[in-house]
N, C-alpha and C. Protein backbone atom coordinates (compact mmCIF):
# COMPACT_ATOMS: atom_id res chain seq x y z
N MET A 1 0.84 -1.18 0.00
CA MET A 1 0.00 0.00 0.00
C MET A 1 0.89 1.24 0.00
N ALA A 2 0.53 2.18 -0.82
CA ALA A 2 1.30 3.42 -0.93
C ALA A 2 1.14 4.25 0.34
N LYS A 3 2.20 4.98 0.64
CA LYS A 3 2.17 5.86 1.82
C LYS A 3 1.35 7.11 1.49
N LYS A 4 0.53 7.49 2.42
CA LYS A 4 -0.29 8.69 2.26
C LYS A 4 0.61 9.91 2.37
N ASN A 5 0.54 10.79 1.39
CA ASN A 5 1.38 11.99 1.40
C ASN A 5 0.54 13.27 1.38
N TYR A 6 -0.44 13.30 2.27
CA TYR A 6 -1.27 14.47 2.46
C TYR A 6 -1.73 14.48 3.91
N GLN A 7 -2.09 15.65 4.36
CA GLN A 7 -2.63 15.80 5.71
C GLN A 7 -4.15 15.93 5.63
N ARG A 8 -4.84 15.17 6.43
CA ARG A 8 -6.31 15.17 6.45
C ARG A 8 -6.85 16.59 6.62
N GLU A 9 -6.25 17.37 7.55
CA GLU A 9 -6.71 18.73 7.82
C GLU A 9 -6.55 19.63 6.60
N ASP A 10 -5.46 19.44 5.85
CA ASP A 10 -5.25 20.23 4.64
C ASP A 10 -6.32 19.92 3.59
N VAL A 11 -6.65 18.65 3.46
CA VAL A 11 -7.70 18.26 2.51
C VAL A 11 -9.03 18.90 2.93
N LEU A 12 -9.34 18.84 4.22
CA LEU A 12 -10.59 19.43 4.71
C LEU A 12 -10.63 20.93 4.46
N ASP A 13 -9.51 21.61 4.71
CA ASP A 13 -9.47 23.05 4.47
C ASP A 13 -9.73 23.39 3.01
N LYS A 14 -9.20 22.59 2.12
CA LYS A 14 -9.40 22.83 0.69
C LYS A 14 -10.85 22.57 0.27
N VAL A 15 -11.45 21.51 0.81
CA VAL A 15 -12.83 21.23 0.41
C VAL A 15 -13.82 22.15 1.11
N ILE A 16 -13.47 22.68 2.26
CA ILE A 16 -14.35 23.67 2.90
C ILE A 16 -14.57 24.82 1.93
N THR A 17 -13.50 25.31 1.34
CA THR A 17 -13.62 26.42 0.40
C THR A 17 -14.51 26.03 -0.78
N LEU A 18 -14.28 24.86 -1.34
CA LEU A 18 -15.08 24.41 -2.48
C LEU A 18 -16.56 24.26 -2.10
N PHE A 19 -16.82 23.51 -1.03
CA PHE A 19 -18.21 23.28 -0.62
C PHE A 19 -18.89 24.59 -0.21
N TRP A 20 -18.14 25.45 0.44
CA TRP A 20 -18.69 26.73 0.91
C TRP A 20 -19.15 27.56 -0.28
N GLN A 21 -18.33 27.58 -1.32
CA GLN A 21 -18.66 28.39 -2.49
C GLN A 21 -19.70 27.71 -3.39
N GLN A 22 -19.57 26.39 -3.59
CA GLN A 22 -20.42 25.69 -4.55
C GLN A 22 -21.66 25.04 -3.93
N GLY A 23 -21.59 24.70 -2.64
CA GLY A 23 -22.65 23.92 -2.01
C GLY A 23 -22.38 22.44 -2.16
N TYR A 24 -23.18 21.65 -1.51
CA TYR A 24 -22.98 20.19 -1.53
C TYR A 24 -23.32 19.60 -2.89
N ALA A 25 -24.51 19.86 -3.37
CA ALA A 25 -24.99 19.25 -4.61
C ALA A 25 -24.16 19.65 -5.83
N ALA A 26 -23.71 20.88 -5.88
CA ALA A 26 -23.00 21.38 -7.06
C ALA A 26 -21.51 21.03 -7.06
N SER A 27 -21.01 20.44 -5.98
CA SER A 27 -19.59 20.06 -5.91
C SER A 27 -19.44 18.61 -6.35
N SER A 28 -18.83 18.43 -7.50
CA SER A 28 -18.65 17.08 -8.05
C SER A 28 -17.37 16.46 -7.50
N VAL A 29 -17.27 15.16 -7.62
CA VAL A 29 -16.05 14.47 -7.21
C VAL A 29 -14.87 14.99 -8.04
N GLN A 30 -15.11 15.29 -9.30
CA GLN A 30 -14.06 15.85 -10.15
C GLN A 30 -13.56 17.19 -9.58
N GLN A 31 -14.47 18.04 -9.13
CA GLN A 31 -14.07 19.31 -8.53
C GLN A 31 -13.33 19.08 -7.21
N ILE A 32 -13.77 18.10 -6.45
CA ILE A 32 -13.11 17.77 -5.18
C ILE A 32 -11.69 17.31 -5.43
N THR A 33 -11.49 16.45 -6.44
CA THR A 33 -10.14 15.98 -6.74
C THR A 33 -9.26 17.12 -7.25
N LYS A 34 -9.84 18.01 -8.02
CA LYS A 34 -9.08 19.16 -8.51
C LYS A 34 -8.67 20.07 -7.35
N ALA A 35 -9.60 20.32 -6.43
CA ALA A 35 -9.33 21.20 -5.28
C ALA A 35 -8.29 20.62 -4.33
N THR A 36 -8.31 19.31 -4.17
CA THR A 36 -7.42 18.67 -3.20
C THR A 36 -6.14 18.12 -3.80
N GLY A 37 -6.14 17.87 -5.11
CA GLY A 37 -4.99 17.25 -5.75
C GLY A 37 -4.92 15.75 -5.52
N LEU A 38 -5.98 15.18 -4.95
CA LEU A 38 -6.02 13.74 -4.68
C LEU A 38 -6.80 13.01 -5.75
N LYS A 39 -6.55 11.74 -5.85
CA LYS A 39 -7.31 10.89 -6.76
C LYS A 39 -8.61 10.46 -6.05
N PRO A 40 -9.65 10.14 -6.81
CA PRO A 40 -10.90 9.73 -6.19
C PRO A 40 -10.73 8.58 -5.18
N GLY A 41 -9.86 7.61 -5.52
CA GLY A 41 -9.64 6.47 -4.61
C GLY A 41 -9.11 6.91 -3.26
N SER A 42 -8.21 7.88 -3.26
CA SER A 42 -7.66 8.40 -2.00
C SER A 42 -8.73 9.10 -1.17
N ILE A 43 -9.58 9.83 -1.86
CA ILE A 43 -10.66 10.54 -1.16
C ILE A 43 -11.62 9.54 -0.53
N TYR A 44 -12.02 8.54 -1.31
CA TYR A 44 -12.96 7.54 -0.78
C TYR A 44 -12.31 6.68 0.30
N HIS A 45 -11.02 6.39 0.16
CA HIS A 45 -10.33 5.62 1.19
C HIS A 45 -10.28 6.39 2.50
N GLU A 46 -9.99 7.67 2.41
CA GLU A 46 -9.84 8.50 3.62
C GLU A 46 -11.18 8.88 4.23
N PHE A 47 -12.19 9.20 3.40
CA PHE A 47 -13.44 9.76 3.91
C PHE A 47 -14.68 8.90 3.65
N GLU A 48 -14.54 7.85 2.89
CA GLU A 48 -15.61 6.88 2.58
C GLU A 48 -16.62 7.38 1.55
N SER A 49 -17.04 8.64 1.64
CA SER A 49 -18.05 9.15 0.70
C SER A 49 -17.99 10.67 0.65
N LYS A 50 -18.59 11.21 -0.37
CA LYS A 50 -18.69 12.67 -0.49
C LYS A 50 -19.46 13.23 0.71
N GLU A 51 -20.50 12.53 1.14
CA GLU A 51 -21.31 12.99 2.27
C GLU A 51 -20.48 13.06 3.55
N LYS A 52 -19.68 12.04 3.80
CA LYS A 52 -18.86 12.05 5.02
C LYS A 52 -17.77 13.11 4.93
N LEU A 53 -17.22 13.30 3.75
CA LEU A 53 -16.24 14.37 3.55
C LEU A 53 -16.88 15.72 3.85
N PHE A 54 -18.08 15.94 3.34
CA PHE A 54 -18.80 17.19 3.57
C PHE A 54 -19.08 17.37 5.06
N GLN A 55 -19.51 16.31 5.73
CA GLN A 55 -19.81 16.41 7.16
C GLN A 55 -18.55 16.74 7.96
N GLU A 56 -17.43 16.14 7.61
CA GLU A 56 -16.18 16.47 8.31
C GLU A 56 -15.75 17.91 8.03
N ALA A 57 -16.01 18.38 6.81
CA ALA A 57 -15.70 19.77 6.49
C ALA A 57 -16.58 20.71 7.33
N LEU A 58 -17.86 20.38 7.47
CA LEU A 58 -18.76 21.17 8.32
C LEU A 58 -18.26 21.18 9.77
N ALA A 59 -17.86 20.01 10.26
CA ALA A 59 -17.39 19.90 11.64
C ALA A 59 -16.13 20.73 11.85
N ARG A 60 -15.22 20.72 10.90
CA ARG A 60 -14.00 21.51 11.02
C ARG A 60 -14.33 23.01 11.01
N TYR A 61 -15.22 23.42 10.13
CA TYR A 61 -15.64 24.81 10.07
C TYR A 61 -16.29 25.22 11.38
N ALA A 62 -17.20 24.40 11.90
CA ALA A 62 -17.88 24.70 13.16
C ALA A 62 -16.89 24.81 14.30
N SER A 63 -15.94 23.91 14.34
CA SER A 63 -14.91 23.94 15.40
C SER A 63 -14.10 25.22 15.34
N SER A 64 -13.75 25.64 14.13
CA SER A 64 -13.01 26.88 13.95
C SER A 64 -13.85 28.08 14.39
N SER A 65 -15.13 28.08 14.04
CA SER A 65 -16.04 29.16 14.44
C SER A 65 -16.17 29.24 15.96
N ILE A 66 -16.30 28.09 16.59
CA ILE A 66 -16.42 28.04 18.05
C ILE A 66 -15.12 28.53 18.70
N GLY A 67 -13.99 28.12 18.14
CA GLY A 67 -12.70 28.59 18.66
C GLY A 67 -12.59 30.10 18.56
N SER A 68 -13.07 30.66 17.48
CA SER A 68 -13.05 32.11 17.29
C SER A 68 -13.93 32.82 18.32
N ILE A 69 -15.08 32.25 18.62
CA ILE A 69 -15.96 32.83 19.63
C ILE A 69 -15.24 32.86 20.98
N HIS A 70 -14.67 31.71 21.36
CA HIS A 70 -13.97 31.63 22.65
C HIS A 70 -12.80 32.62 22.71
N GLN A 71 -12.07 32.74 21.62
CA GLN A 71 -10.93 33.66 21.58
C GLN A 71 -11.38 35.10 21.75
N LYS A 72 -12.42 35.49 21.03
CA LYS A 72 -12.90 36.87 21.13
C LYS A 72 -13.46 37.16 22.52
N MET A 73 -14.13 36.21 23.10
CA MET A 73 -14.67 36.41 24.45
C MET A 73 -13.55 36.51 25.48
N ALA A 74 -12.49 35.76 25.29
CA ALA A 74 -11.37 35.79 26.22
C ALA A 74 -10.60 37.10 26.14
N ASN A 75 -10.67 37.77 25.01
CA ASN A 75 -9.89 38.99 24.78
C ASN A 75 -10.67 40.28 25.01
N THR A 76 -11.82 40.18 25.66
CA THR A 76 -12.60 41.39 25.95
C THR A 76 -12.90 41.48 27.44
N SER A 77 -13.30 42.67 27.85
CA SER A 77 -13.52 42.90 29.28
C SER A 77 -14.83 42.33 29.80
N ASN A 78 -15.82 42.17 28.93
CA ASN A 78 -17.08 41.56 29.36
C ASN A 78 -17.78 40.90 28.17
N VAL A 79 -18.80 40.13 28.47
CA VAL A 79 -19.50 39.35 27.45
C VAL A 79 -20.08 40.24 26.36
N ASN A 80 -20.74 41.31 26.74
CA ASN A 80 -21.36 42.17 25.73
C ASN A 80 -20.32 42.77 24.78
N GLU A 81 -19.17 43.15 25.31
CA GLU A 81 -18.11 43.67 24.45
C GLU A 81 -17.61 42.59 23.50
N GLY A 82 -17.51 41.36 23.98
CA GLY A 82 -17.10 40.26 23.12
C GLY A 82 -18.09 40.03 21.99
N ILE A 83 -19.37 40.07 22.32
CA ILE A 83 -20.40 39.89 21.30
C ILE A 83 -20.37 41.04 20.30
N LYS A 84 -20.20 42.25 20.78
CA LYS A 84 -20.09 43.40 19.87
C LYS A 84 -18.92 43.22 18.91
N GLN A 85 -17.81 42.72 19.41
CA GLN A 85 -16.64 42.49 18.55
C GLN A 85 -16.93 41.43 17.50
N ILE A 86 -17.60 40.37 17.91
CA ILE A 86 -17.97 39.31 16.96
C ILE A 86 -18.88 39.88 15.87
N LEU A 87 -19.87 40.65 16.26
CA LEU A 87 -20.78 41.25 15.27
C LEU A 87 -20.07 42.23 14.35
N THR A 88 -19.17 43.02 14.92
CA THR A 88 -18.39 43.96 14.11
C THR A 88 -17.55 43.19 13.09
N ASP A 89 -16.94 42.10 13.52
CA ASP A 89 -16.14 41.29 12.60
C ASP A 89 -16.99 40.70 11.48
N LEU A 90 -18.20 40.25 11.81
CA LEU A 90 -19.10 39.72 10.78
C LEU A 90 -19.48 40.79 9.76
N ILE A 91 -19.73 42.00 10.25
CA ILE A 91 -20.05 43.11 9.34
C ILE A 91 -18.86 43.41 8.44
N GLU A 92 -17.67 43.43 9.01
CA GLU A 92 -16.46 43.67 8.19
C GLU A 92 -16.28 42.58 7.15
N GLN A 93 -16.54 41.34 7.52
CA GLN A 93 -16.44 40.24 6.55
C GLN A 93 -17.42 40.45 5.40
N SER A 94 -18.61 40.93 5.72
CA SER A 94 -19.64 41.11 4.69
C SER A 94 -19.26 42.17 3.66
N LYS A 95 -18.32 43.04 4.01
CA LYS A 95 -17.89 44.09 3.08
C LYS A 95 -16.90 43.58 2.03
N ALA A 96 -16.32 42.42 2.26
CA ALA A 96 -15.30 41.89 1.34
C ALA A 96 -15.93 41.52 0.00
N CYS A 97 -15.18 41.73 -1.06
CA CYS A 97 -15.71 41.44 -2.40
C CYS A 97 -15.91 39.93 -2.61
N ASP A 98 -15.19 39.11 -1.86
CA ASP A 98 -15.33 37.65 -1.98
C ASP A 98 -16.17 37.07 -0.84
N TYR A 99 -17.07 37.88 -0.26
CA TYR A 99 -17.89 37.46 0.87
C TYR A 99 -18.63 36.17 0.54
N CYS A 100 -18.63 35.26 1.50
CA CYS A 100 -19.23 33.96 1.25
C CYS A 100 -20.18 33.52 2.37
N GLY A 101 -20.58 34.42 3.24
CA GLY A 101 -21.55 34.07 4.29
C GLY A 101 -21.01 33.06 5.27
N CYS A 102 -21.88 32.21 5.76
CA CYS A 102 -21.53 31.18 6.73
C CYS A 102 -21.78 29.81 6.11
N PHE A 103 -20.79 28.96 6.18
CA PHE A 103 -20.87 27.62 5.60
C PHE A 103 -22.02 26.83 6.22
N LEU A 104 -22.22 26.93 7.52
CA LEU A 104 -23.29 26.18 8.19
C LEU A 104 -24.67 26.68 7.76
N ILE A 105 -24.82 27.98 7.72
CA ILE A 105 -26.12 28.56 7.32
C ILE A 105 -26.40 28.26 5.85
N LYS A 106 -25.38 28.38 5.01
CA LYS A 106 -25.57 28.07 3.59
C LYS A 106 -25.97 26.61 3.41
N THR A 107 -25.39 25.73 4.21
CA THR A 107 -25.75 24.31 4.14
C THR A 107 -27.20 24.11 4.55
N GLN A 108 -27.61 24.77 5.62
CA GLN A 108 -29.01 24.68 6.04
C GLN A 108 -29.95 25.13 4.93
N LEU A 109 -29.63 26.25 4.33
CA LEU A 109 -30.49 26.78 3.27
C LEU A 109 -30.54 25.83 2.07
N GLU A 110 -29.39 25.30 1.70
CA GLU A 110 -29.34 24.40 0.54
C GLU A 110 -30.11 23.11 0.79
N LEU A 111 -29.98 22.55 1.98
CA LEU A 111 -30.50 21.21 2.24
C LEU A 111 -31.79 21.17 3.05
N ALA A 112 -32.37 22.33 3.35
CA ALA A 112 -33.57 22.39 4.20
C ALA A 112 -34.71 21.54 3.66
N SER A 113 -34.94 21.58 2.38
CA SER A 113 -36.07 20.83 1.82
C SER A 113 -35.86 19.33 1.89
N GLN A 114 -34.60 18.90 2.00
CA GLN A 114 -34.30 17.47 2.06
C GLN A 114 -34.35 16.95 3.49
N GLY A 115 -33.99 17.79 4.46
CA GLY A 115 -33.99 17.36 5.85
C GLY A 115 -33.10 16.16 6.11
N ASN A 116 -32.07 16.00 5.32
CA ASN A 116 -31.20 14.82 5.43
C ASN A 116 -30.21 14.95 6.60
N SER A 117 -29.32 13.99 6.71
CA SER A 117 -28.38 13.96 7.84
C SER A 117 -27.41 15.15 7.80
N LEU A 118 -27.06 15.63 6.64
CA LEU A 118 -26.17 16.79 6.55
C LEU A 118 -26.88 18.05 7.04
N TYR A 119 -28.13 18.20 6.67
CA TYR A 119 -28.94 19.33 7.16
C TYR A 119 -29.03 19.27 8.68
N LYS A 120 -29.32 18.09 9.20
CA LYS A 120 -29.44 17.92 10.65
C LYS A 120 -28.12 18.20 11.35
N PHE A 121 -27.03 17.76 10.75
CA PHE A 121 -25.71 18.00 11.33
C PHE A 121 -25.40 19.50 11.39
N ALA A 122 -25.66 20.20 10.30
CA ALA A 122 -25.42 21.66 10.28
C ALA A 122 -26.29 22.34 11.33
N SER A 123 -27.54 21.91 11.45
CA SER A 123 -28.45 22.47 12.46
C SER A 123 -27.93 22.22 13.87
N GLU A 124 -27.41 21.02 14.11
CA GLU A 124 -26.84 20.70 15.43
C GLU A 124 -25.64 21.59 15.75
N GLN A 125 -24.82 21.87 14.75
CA GLN A 125 -23.65 22.72 14.98
C GLN A 125 -24.08 24.14 15.33
N LEU A 126 -25.09 24.64 14.64
CA LEU A 126 -25.61 25.98 14.94
C LEU A 126 -26.26 26.02 16.32
N ALA A 127 -26.96 24.96 16.68
CA ALA A 127 -27.56 24.88 18.03
C ALA A 127 -26.46 24.86 19.10
N ASN A 128 -25.36 24.19 18.81
CA ASN A 128 -24.23 24.16 19.74
C ASN A 128 -23.63 25.55 19.91
N ILE A 129 -23.51 26.29 18.83
CA ILE A 129 -23.00 27.66 18.90
C ILE A 129 -23.95 28.52 19.75
N GLU A 130 -25.24 28.34 19.57
CA GLU A 130 -26.21 29.09 20.38
C GLU A 130 -26.05 28.75 21.86
N LYS A 131 -25.81 27.49 22.18
CA LYS A 131 -25.59 27.09 23.57
C LYS A 131 -24.34 27.76 24.14
N ILE A 132 -23.32 27.88 23.33
CA ILE A 132 -22.09 28.56 23.79
C ILE A 132 -22.38 30.03 24.10
N TYR A 133 -23.13 30.69 23.24
CA TYR A 133 -23.52 32.07 23.53
C TYR A 133 -24.35 32.14 24.81
N THR A 134 -25.25 31.17 25.00
CA THR A 134 -26.06 31.14 26.22
C THR A 134 -25.17 31.02 27.45
N GLN A 135 -24.16 30.16 27.37
CA GLN A 135 -23.24 29.99 28.50
C GLN A 135 -22.52 31.29 28.82
N TYR A 136 -22.04 31.96 27.81
CA TYR A 136 -21.36 33.24 28.04
C TYR A 136 -22.32 34.29 28.60
N LEU A 137 -23.49 34.38 28.01
CA LEU A 137 -24.46 35.38 28.47
C LEU A 137 -24.94 35.08 29.89
N SER A 138 -24.89 33.82 30.30
CA SER A 138 -25.27 33.44 31.67
C SER A 138 -24.32 34.01 32.71
N LEU A 139 -23.16 34.44 32.27
CA LEU A 139 -22.22 35.07 33.20
C LEU A 139 -22.71 36.46 33.62
N THR A 140 -23.58 37.05 32.81
CA THR A 140 -24.07 38.41 33.07
C THR A 140 -25.57 38.45 33.36
N TYR A 141 -26.32 37.54 32.75
CA TYR A 141 -27.77 37.56 32.84
C TYR A 141 -28.28 36.26 33.45
N SER A 142 -29.56 36.28 33.86
CA SER A 142 -30.17 35.05 34.37
C SER A 142 -30.20 34.01 33.25
N GLU A 143 -30.35 32.76 33.62
CA GLU A 143 -30.37 31.67 32.63
C GLU A 143 -31.47 31.88 31.59
N VAL A 144 -32.65 32.27 32.04
CA VAL A 144 -33.77 32.49 31.13
C VAL A 144 -33.46 33.65 30.18
N GLN A 145 -32.96 34.74 30.72
CA GLN A 145 -32.63 35.90 29.90
C GLN A 145 -31.48 35.57 28.94
N ALA A 146 -30.48 34.85 29.44
CA ALA A 146 -29.34 34.48 28.60
C ALA A 146 -29.79 33.63 27.41
N LYS A 147 -30.69 32.71 27.65
CA LYS A 147 -31.19 31.86 26.57
C LYS A 147 -31.96 32.69 25.54
N ALA A 148 -32.78 33.61 26.01
CA ALA A 148 -33.54 34.48 25.10
C ALA A 148 -32.59 35.37 24.30
N TYR A 149 -31.59 35.94 24.96
CA TYR A 149 -30.65 36.80 24.28
C TYR A 149 -29.80 36.02 23.27
N ALA A 150 -29.44 34.80 23.60
CA ALA A 150 -28.67 33.97 22.66
C ALA A 150 -29.49 33.69 21.40
N ALA A 151 -30.78 33.42 21.57
CA ALA A 151 -31.65 33.19 20.42
C ALA A 151 -31.77 34.46 19.57
N GLN A 152 -31.90 35.61 20.23
CA GLN A 152 -31.94 36.88 19.50
C GLN A 152 -30.63 37.10 18.74
N LEU A 153 -29.53 36.83 19.41
CA LEU A 153 -28.21 37.00 18.80
C LEU A 153 -28.06 36.11 17.57
N MET A 154 -28.47 34.86 17.68
CA MET A 154 -28.35 33.95 16.54
C MET A 154 -29.22 34.42 15.38
N THR A 155 -30.40 34.94 15.68
CA THR A 155 -31.28 35.47 14.64
C THR A 155 -30.60 36.63 13.92
N VAL A 156 -29.97 37.50 14.67
CA VAL A 156 -29.25 38.63 14.08
C VAL A 156 -28.05 38.14 13.27
N ILE A 157 -27.32 37.17 13.80
CA ILE A 157 -26.17 36.63 13.06
C ILE A 157 -26.63 36.01 11.74
N PHE A 158 -27.72 35.24 11.78
CA PHE A 158 -28.26 34.68 10.53
C PHE A 158 -28.57 35.80 9.56
N GLY A 159 -29.19 36.86 10.07
CA GLY A 159 -29.53 38.00 9.22
C GLY A 159 -28.30 38.66 8.62
N ILE A 160 -27.28 38.85 9.44
CA ILE A 160 -26.04 39.45 8.93
C ILE A 160 -25.45 38.57 7.84
N ARG A 161 -25.42 37.27 8.08
CA ARG A 161 -24.81 36.34 7.13
C ARG A 161 -25.55 36.30 5.80
N ILE A 162 -26.85 36.54 5.82
CA ILE A 162 -27.63 36.54 4.58
C ILE A 162 -27.71 37.95 3.98
N TYR A 163 -28.08 38.92 4.79
CA TYR A 163 -28.22 40.29 4.29
C TYR A 163 -26.88 40.87 3.87
N GLY A 164 -25.81 40.32 4.40
CA GLY A 164 -24.47 40.79 4.05
C GLY A 164 -24.14 40.68 2.57
N TYR A 165 -24.91 39.89 1.84
CA TYR A 165 -24.69 39.79 0.39
C TYR A 165 -25.17 41.04 -0.34
N GLN A 166 -26.02 41.84 0.30
CA GLN A 166 -26.51 43.06 -0.32
C GLN A 166 -25.39 44.11 -0.35
N ALA A 167 -25.25 44.76 -1.46
CA ALA A 167 -24.23 45.80 -1.58
C ALA A 167 -24.49 46.92 -0.57
N ASP A 168 -23.44 47.40 0.02
CA ASP A 168 -23.51 48.52 0.96
C ASP A 168 -24.51 48.28 2.10
N SER A 169 -24.49 47.08 2.65
CA SER A 169 -25.45 46.72 3.69
C SER A 169 -24.96 47.02 5.10
N ALA A 170 -23.70 47.38 5.28
CA ALA A 170 -23.12 47.52 6.62
C ALA A 170 -23.88 48.50 7.50
N ASN A 171 -24.21 49.68 6.99
CA ASN A 171 -24.92 50.67 7.81
C ASN A 171 -26.30 50.17 8.24
N THR A 172 -27.00 49.52 7.34
CA THR A 172 -28.31 48.96 7.66
C THR A 172 -28.17 47.89 8.73
N ILE A 173 -27.17 47.05 8.59
CA ILE A 173 -26.95 45.99 9.57
C ILE A 173 -26.65 46.58 10.95
N ILE A 174 -25.83 47.59 11.01
CA ILE A 174 -25.49 48.22 12.30
C ILE A 174 -26.75 48.80 12.94
N GLN A 175 -27.56 49.50 12.16
CA GLN A 175 -28.80 50.07 12.69
C GLN A 175 -29.74 48.96 13.19
N THR A 176 -29.78 47.86 12.46
CA THR A 176 -30.64 46.74 12.85
C THR A 176 -30.15 46.10 14.14
N ILE A 177 -28.86 45.93 14.27
CA ILE A 177 -28.30 45.36 15.50
C ILE A 177 -28.68 46.23 16.70
N ASN A 178 -28.51 47.53 16.55
CA ASN A 178 -28.85 48.45 17.65
C ASN A 178 -30.33 48.39 18.00
N ALA A 179 -31.18 48.23 17.00
CA ALA A 179 -32.63 48.17 17.24
C ALA A 179 -33.05 46.82 17.85
N LEU A 180 -32.45 45.75 17.37
CA LEU A 180 -32.87 44.41 17.82
C LEU A 180 -32.17 43.92 19.08
N LEU A 181 -30.99 44.44 19.35
CA LEU A 181 -30.22 43.98 20.51
C LEU A 181 -29.84 45.15 21.44
N PRO A 182 -30.81 45.90 21.93
CA PRO A 182 -30.47 47.07 22.77
C PRO A 182 -29.74 46.66 24.04
N TRP A 183 -29.94 45.44 24.50
CA TRP A 183 -29.28 44.96 25.73
C TRP A 183 -27.76 44.90 25.59
N LEU A 184 -27.24 44.90 24.37
CA LEU A 184 -25.78 44.87 24.19
C LEU A 184 -25.10 46.09 24.78
N ASN A 185 -25.82 47.19 24.88
CA ASN A 185 -25.23 48.42 25.40
C ASN A 185 -25.51 48.63 26.89
N GLU A 186 -26.08 47.65 27.55
CA GLU A 186 -26.41 47.77 28.97
C GLU A 186 -25.18 47.67 29.89
N HIS A 187 -24.24 46.83 29.55
CA HIS A 187 -23.12 46.56 30.45
C HIS A 187 -21.81 47.03 29.88
């Protein structure tokens, strides 16, 4: 058996970009092999199927997103400031000419009508992110309030990720955040 001369994480990083831009259905095995430089046999040997490769790419993306949340929260003086920084970063991302939204949200939108395991997996990852926000908000607010605020925050994040495709949307997004999340300026 030939020795594997690639890193699993590198392959996942390459397919995240492909899947993120093209979606699951529109990404062919030929495109996957072109993006990764691997032969189809290597891909199937390592990941078993396109579906499992996609799920691992979603998991890697979600893990990176969660790591970013924890990092931003650790580098601010309080939870609300951390959330403001996260929202500001999302708005800045939306201004980029190559803006691509959120891989998890795009997956949900693409696969919602199918309700398949990939859709459910993406939904679980987003629910996990909401739980993380709830945990952080619980440091400042009651559990009930923290849960409500986390749901509001996720709704706004979904909106930013989708509305961000509109040209010159940053000012509208900022005004919307201030209107929908007035509690961010409380502490």
